[in-house]
Amino acid sequence: MTEQNNTLGIWLMIATAFVFAMQDGLSRHLAGEYNVLMIIMIRYWFFASFVIVVAARKAGGIRKAAATKQPFVQAFRGILLALEVCVMVTAFVVLGLVESHAVFAVYPLLIAALSGPVLGEKVGWRRWVAIGIGFVGVLIILQPGFGVFQPAALIPLLAASMFALYGLLTRYVARDDSAAVSFFWTGTAGAVTMTLIGIWFWEPMAQGDWLWMGLLCVTSAFSHFLLIRAYEVAEASTVQPFAYLQLPFAAALGVLIFSEAIRTNVLIGAGVVVGAGLFTLWRTRVSKA
């Protein structure tokens, strides 16, 4: 068993959030030039290769990594995540990194809200209040009824909903399957799905952009490696709050690289959403103590 080190885990999660943000910036750049489905397909080819190599190096090999009592749920998880990535990258192109991540930050609240009906977990009144406040933050970001609401702002909200369902299904399969099994199915099912969809949208890529594509593939695999290590060396409840750093990291990239602007309502709304999310994580930790 890996020795627990919360300090190391926190730093690994901070590094994970930074690499995820870099990955999002690369996705935004490439998807702005080429078809989103093709970009995600190539990314998943590399991700699946990484997953298979990791599985092959472990005891029991690929056969053990693929062994699951719930193949349909595991496959659906992988398909759902692949499609969620497509939706989120589309949001990056349409809305930019800043506003997309500001809305997407609501996903932990969606997980908390749905954990009761889906998984039978108890959600106390304090967390319900935090969930409600978090959705007020989303409304502040979206500004419905003020004449400036963009229907496109619903794209990252859809991505957040899909990712929340993916997170709940990941908890569900964890009752019988190991993290290694779920990781294997995530990569392979996603790669098969994106190949079936993305191959029809293939287009030539400039030689220089293959360098960016390669960097995207490497950061995709590296970010998942860092995430696995963070959860191996520290408690999830300790490191999870630091995953929110992906929002300011991505926002900084949006402003500095893509010349995006941070509107006041987005800044305030994102603060409300993140604050509510952190409170929900804290209450979850307290209730399990």
Protein backbone atom coordinates (compact mmCIF):
# COMPACT_ATOMS: atom_id res chain seq x y z
CA MET A 1 0.00 0.00 0.00
CA THR A 2 1.27 3.49 -0.86
CA GLU A 3 2.27 5.58 2.16
CA GLN A 4 -0.10 8.50 2.70
CA ASN A 5 1.37 11.98 2.29
CA ASN A 6 -1.26 14.72 2.11
CA THR A 7 1.26 17.49 1.41
CA LEU A 8 2.62 15.64 -1.62
CA GLY A 9 -0.94 14.85 -2.70
CA ILE A 10 -1.90 18.52 -2.60
CA TRP A 11 1.07 19.53 -4.73
CA LEU A 12 0.31 16.73 -7.18
CA MET A 13 -3.29 17.95 -7.46
CA ILE A 14 -2.11 21.53 -8.05
CA ALA A 15 0.17 20.22 -10.80
CA THR A 16 -2.75 18.21 -12.20
CA ALA A 17 -4.96 21.31 -12.33
CA PHE A 18 -2.21 23.23 -14.13
CA VAL A 19 -1.62 20.49 -16.72
CA PHE A 20 -5.38 20.13 -17.27
CA ALA A 21 -5.55 23.87 -17.93
CA MET A 22 -2.67 23.63 -20.43
CA GLN A 23 -4.48 20.74 -22.07
CA ASP A 24 -7.62 22.87 -22.37
CA GLY A 25 -5.64 25.71 -23.93
CA LEU A 26 -4.13 23.36 -26.52
CA SER A 27 -7.57 21.90 -27.25
CA ARG A 28 -9.01 25.39 -27.74
CA HIS A 29 -6.24 26.30 -30.18
CA LEU A 30 -6.47 23.11 -32.28
CA ALA A 31 -10.28 22.92 -32.25
CA GLY A 32 -10.35 26.49 -33.51
CA GLU A 33 -8.47 25.33 -36.61
CA TYR A 34 -9.73 21.77 -37.15
CA ASN A 35 -12.84 19.69 -36.50
CA VAL A 36 -13.39 19.07 -32.78
CA LEU A 37 -14.27 15.40 -33.29
CA MET A 38 -11.02 14.69 -35.16
CA ILE A 39 -8.92 16.40 -32.48
CA ILE A 40 -10.58 14.45 -29.66
CA MET A 41 -10.26 11.21 -31.65
CA ILE A 42 -6.48 11.59 -32.03
CA ARG A 43 -6.19 12.55 -28.37
CA TYR A 44 -8.10 9.40 -27.37
CA TRP A 45 -5.90 7.20 -29.56
CA PHE A 46 -2.90 8.29 -27.50
CA PHE A 47 -4.86 8.09 -24.24
CA ALA A 48 -6.00 4.51 -24.98
CA SER A 49 -2.43 3.53 -25.86
CA PHE A 50 -1.26 4.97 -22.54
CA VAL A 51 -4.00 3.09 -20.66
CA ILE A 52 -3.15 -0.20 -22.36
CA VAL A 53 0.58 0.20 -21.64
CA VAL A 54 -0.12 0.95 -17.98
CA ALA A 55 -2.44 -2.07 -17.74
CA ALA A 56 0.07 -4.38 -19.43
CA ARG A 57 2.78 -3.43 -16.92
CA LYS A 58 0.66 -4.31 -13.89
CA ALA A 59 0.18 -7.76 -12.38
CA GLY A 60 -2.42 -9.70 -14.35
CA GLY A 61 -1.94 -7.53 -17.41
CA ILE A 62 -4.68 -6.38 -19.75
CA ARG A 63 -6.96 -9.31 -18.95
CA LYS A 64 -7.14 -8.28 -15.29
CA ALA A 65 -7.59 -4.59 -16.18
CA ALA A 66 -10.52 -5.42 -18.46
CA ALA A 67 -12.19 -7.81 -16.00
CA THR A 68 -15.39 -6.18 -14.78
CA LYS A 69 -18.75 -7.33 -13.43
CA GLN A 70 -20.47 -4.36 -15.07
CA PRO A 71 -19.23 -4.10 -18.68
CA PHE A 72 -22.24 -2.11 -19.93
CA VAL A 73 -21.96 0.53 -17.21
CA GLN A 74 -18.20 0.76 -17.66
CA ALA A 75 -18.56 1.14 -21.43
CA PHE A 76 -21.25 3.78 -20.99
CA ARG A 77 -18.93 5.71 -18.63
CA GLY A 78 -16.19 5.75 -21.24
CA ILE A 79 -18.57 6.80 -24.01
CA LEU A 80 -20.11 9.52 -21.83
CA LEU A 81 -16.73 11.03 -20.91
CA ALA A 82 -15.58 11.08 -24.54
CA LEU A 83 -18.74 12.89 -25.61
CA GLU A 84 -18.44 15.28 -22.64
CA VAL A 85 -14.92 16.21 -23.77
CA CYS A 86 -16.29 16.98 -27.24
CA VAL A 87 -18.98 19.22 -25.77
CA MET A 88 -16.54 21.03 -23.49
CA VAL A 89 -13.96 21.66 -26.20
CA THR A 90 -16.76 23.03 -28.37
CA ALA A 91 -17.57 25.40 -25.51
CA PHE A 92 -13.92 26.54 -25.45
CA VAL A 93 -14.16 27.50 -29.12
CA VAL A 94 -17.56 29.18 -28.87
CA LEU A 95 -17.29 30.89 -25.46
CA GLY A 96 -13.61 30.78 -24.55
CA LEU A 97 -11.79 29.26 -21.58
CA VAL A 98 -12.87 31.82 -18.98
CA GLU A 99 -16.65 31.56 -19.28
CA SER A 100 -16.65 27.85 -20.08
CA HIS A 101 -14.73 26.96 -16.93
CA ALA A 102 -16.75 29.40 -14.82
CA VAL A 103 -19.94 27.52 -15.71
CA PHE A 104 -18.32 24.06 -15.66
CA ALA A 105 -17.23 24.62 -12.05
CA VAL A 106 -20.80 23.72 -11.02
CA TYR A 107 -20.25 20.00 -11.67
CA PRO A 108 -19.36 19.06 -8.03
CA LEU A 109 -22.65 20.61 -6.94
CA LEU A 110 -24.50 18.55 -9.55
CA ILE A 111 -22.79 15.43 -8.24
CA ALA A 112 -23.83 16.30 -4.69
CA ALA A 113 -27.42 17.02 -5.76
CA LEU A 114 -27.75 13.75 -7.69
CA SER A 115 -25.84 11.50 -5.27
CA GLY A 116 -29.03 11.02 -3.22
CA PRO A 117 -31.43 9.81 -5.94
CA VAL A 118 -28.75 7.99 -7.97
CA LEU A 119 -26.54 6.42 -5.29
CA GLY A 120 -28.77 6.61 -2.23
CA GLU A 121 -26.30 8.84 -0.36
CA LYS A 122 -27.59 11.20 2.32
CA VAL A 123 -27.40 14.90 1.49
CA GLY A 124 -28.00 17.16 4.51
CA TRP A 125 -29.80 20.49 4.48
CA ARG A 126 -26.54 22.47 4.67
CA ARG A 127 -25.30 20.91 1.46
CA TRP A 128 -28.68 21.50 -0.20
CA VAL A 129 -28.40 25.19 0.73
CA ALA A 130 -24.86 25.28 -0.71
CA ILE A 131 -26.10 23.60 -3.90
CA GLY A 132 -28.85 26.21 -4.23
CA ILE A 133 -26.37 29.06 -3.68
CA GLY A 134 -24.07 27.52 -6.28
CA PHE A 135 -26.81 27.53 -8.88
CA VAL A 136 -27.47 31.18 -8.08
CA GLY A 137 -23.82 31.70 -9.00
CA VAL A 138 -24.43 30.00 -12.35
CA LEU A 139 -27.37 32.33 -12.98
CA ILE A 140 -25.13 35.31 -12.21
CA ILE A 141 -22.72 34.04 -14.86
CA LEU A 142 -25.41 33.30 -17.45
CA GLN A 143 -27.40 36.51 -16.82
CA PRO A 144 -30.77 35.23 -18.08
CA GLY A 145 -33.32 37.99 -18.66
CA PHE A 146 -30.76 40.81 -18.96
CA GLY A 147 -30.68 40.95 -22.74
CA VAL A 148 -27.14 39.58 -22.98
CA PHE A 149 -27.78 35.88 -22.35
CA GLN A 150 -26.11 33.64 -24.92
CA PRO A 151 -27.72 30.25 -25.57
CA ALA A 152 -24.17 29.04 -26.21
CA ALA A 153 -23.53 29.45 -22.46
CA LEU A 154 -25.63 26.33 -21.99
CA ILE A 155 -22.93 24.25 -23.74
CA PRO A 156 -20.55 24.13 -20.73
CA LEU A 157 -23.58 23.57 -18.48
CA LEU A 158 -24.40 20.49 -20.57
CA ALA A 159 -20.77 19.38 -20.26
CA ALA A 160 -20.92 19.84 -16.48
CA SER A 161 -24.09 17.74 -16.31
CA MET A 162 -22.49 14.98 -18.39
CA PHE A 163 -19.33 15.03 -16.26
CA ALA A 164 -21.41 14.90 -13.07
CA LEU A 165 -23.21 11.79 -14.34
CA TYR A 166 -19.83 10.31 -15.28
CA GLY A 167 -18.60 11.01 -11.74
CA LEU A 168 -21.65 9.35 -10.20
CA LEU A 169 -21.27 6.28 -12.43
CA THR A 170 -17.59 6.13 -11.46
CA ARG A 171 -18.63 5.97 -7.80
CA TYR A 172 -21.21 3.33 -8.65
CA VAL A 173 -18.81 0.97 -10.45
CA ALA A 174 -16.19 1.50 -7.71
CA ARG A 175 -18.35 -0.66 -5.45
CA ASP A 176 -17.23 -3.72 -7.46
CA ASP A 177 -14.37 -2.65 -9.75
CA SER A 178 -10.93 -1.27 -8.94
CA ALA A 179 -9.71 2.13 -10.11
CA ALA A 180 -7.39 0.36 -12.58
CA VAL A 181 -10.35 -1.39 -14.22
CA SER A 182 -12.34 1.84 -14.50
CA PHE A 183 -9.30 3.65 -15.92
CA PHE A 184 -8.83 0.96 -18.58
CA TRP A 185 -12.47 1.09 -19.67
CA THR A 186 -12.45 4.90 -19.69
CA GLY A 187 -9.61 5.04 -22.19
CA THR A 188 -10.53 2.12 -24.43
CA ALA A 189 -14.31 2.70 -24.64
CA GLY A 190 -13.68 6.38 -25.30
CA ALA A 191 -11.17 5.62 -28.06
CA VAL A 192 -13.54 3.20 -29.81
CA THR A 193 -16.38 5.74 -29.60
CA MET A 194 -14.33 8.64 -30.94
CA THR A 195 -12.89 6.50 -33.76
CA LEU A 196 -16.39 5.52 -34.91
CA ILE A 197 -17.45 9.18 -34.88
CA GLY A 198 -14.31 11.18 -35.62
CA ILE A 199 -12.89 9.20 -38.54
CA TRP A 200 -15.61 10.69 -40.78
CA PHE A 201 -14.32 14.19 -40.05
CA TRP A 202 -10.64 13.63 -40.85
CA GLU A 203 -8.89 16.56 -42.48
CA PRO A 204 -5.23 17.27 -43.28
CA MET A 205 -3.30 18.95 -40.49
CA ALA A 206 -0.46 21.40 -41.05
CA GLN A 207 2.96 20.01 -40.14
CA GLY A 208 3.48 22.59 -37.39
CA ASP A 209 0.15 21.76 -35.79
CA TRP A 210 1.16 18.12 -35.35
CA LEU A 211 3.61 19.41 -32.74
CA TRP A 212 0.72 20.99 -30.83
CA MET A 213 -1.31 17.81 -31.28
CA GLY A 214 1.54 15.74 -29.87
CA LEU A 215 1.83 18.09 -26.91
CA LEU A 216 -1.93 17.78 -26.32
CA CYS A 217 -1.66 13.98 -26.30
CA VAL A 218 1.27 14.04 -23.88
CA THR A 219 -0.42 16.47 -21.49
CA SER A 220 -3.60 14.36 -21.62
CA ALA A 221 -1.76 11.22 -20.50
CA PHE A 222 0.46 13.09 -18.02
CA SER A 223 -2.50 14.82 -16.35
CA HIS A 224 -4.20 11.47 -15.70
CA PHE A 225 -0.94 10.04 -14.34
CA LEU A 226 -0.64 12.99 -11.93
CA LEU A 227 -4.28 12.60 -10.89
CA ILE A 228 -3.83 8.90 -10.16
CA ARG A 229 -0.71 9.62 -8.10
CA ALA A 230 -2.50 12.38 -6.16
CA TYR A 231 -5.27 9.98 -5.14
CA GLU A 232 -2.74 7.25 -4.35
CA VAL A 233 -0.71 9.29 -1.86
CA ALA A 234 -3.46 11.38 -0.20
CA GLU A 235 -7.09 11.28 0.84
CA ALA A 236 -9.50 12.38 -1.90
CA SER A 237 -11.28 14.79 0.46
CA THR A 238 -7.95 16.52 1.16
CA VAL A 239 -6.82 17.05 -2.42
CA GLN A 240 -10.15 17.52 -4.23
CA PRO A 241 -10.62 21.22 -3.28
CA PHE A 242 -7.36 22.04 -5.08
CA ALA A 243 -8.85 20.76 -8.36
CA TYR A 244 -10.70 24.10 -8.48
CA LEU A 245 -7.37 25.75 -9.32
CA GLN A 246 -7.98 24.63 -12.89
CA LEU A 247 -10.44 27.53 -13.16
CA PRO A 248 -7.94 30.36 -12.45
CA PHE A 249 -5.20 28.56 -14.42
CA ALA A 250 -7.47 28.22 -17.47
CA ALA A 251 -8.76 31.78 -17.05
CA ALA A 252 -5.17 33.07 -17.02
CA LEU A 253 -4.49 31.23 -20.28
CA GLY A 254 -7.68 32.63 -21.78
CA VAL A 255 -6.71 36.19 -20.90
CA LEU A 256 -2.99 36.04 -21.67
CA ILE A 257 -2.95 33.79 -24.75
CA PHE A 258 -6.40 34.16 -26.31
CA SER A 259 -7.10 37.79 -25.30
CA GLU A 260 -10.34 36.88 -23.54
CA ALA A 261 -11.99 39.31 -21.12
CA ILE A 262 -13.24 38.49 -17.63
CA ARG A 263 -16.63 40.13 -17.17
CA THR A 264 -17.59 41.22 -13.66
CA ASN A 265 -20.64 38.95 -13.50
CA VAL A 266 -18.50 35.95 -14.50
CA LEU A 267 -15.96 36.74 -11.79
CA ILE A 268 -18.65 37.12 -9.10
CA GLY A 269 -20.64 34.09 -10.27
CA ALA A 270 -17.56 31.88 -10.45
CA GLY A 271 -16.61 32.94 -6.91
CA VAL A 272 -20.08 31.97 -5.65
CA VAL A 273 -19.98 28.60 -7.45
CA VAL A 274 -16.48 27.71 -6.23
CA GLY A 275 -17.29 28.83 -2.67
CA ALA A 276 -20.43 26.70 -2.62
CA GLY A 277 -18.51 23.77 -4.07
CA LEU A 278 -15.75 24.00 -1.46
CA PHE A 279 -18.35 24.14 1.32
CA THR A 280 -20.07 21.06 -0.13
CA LEU A 281 -16.77 19.17 -0.21
CA TRP A 282 -16.08 20.17 3.40
CA ARG A 283 -19.54 19.06 4.55
CA THR A 284 -19.06 15.74 2.74
CA ARG A 285 -15.78 15.23 4.57
CA VAL A 286 -17.34 16.14 7.94
CA SER A 287 -20.32 13.82 7.43
CA LYS A 288 -17.96 10.89 6.72
CA ALA A 289 -15.75 11.63 9.72
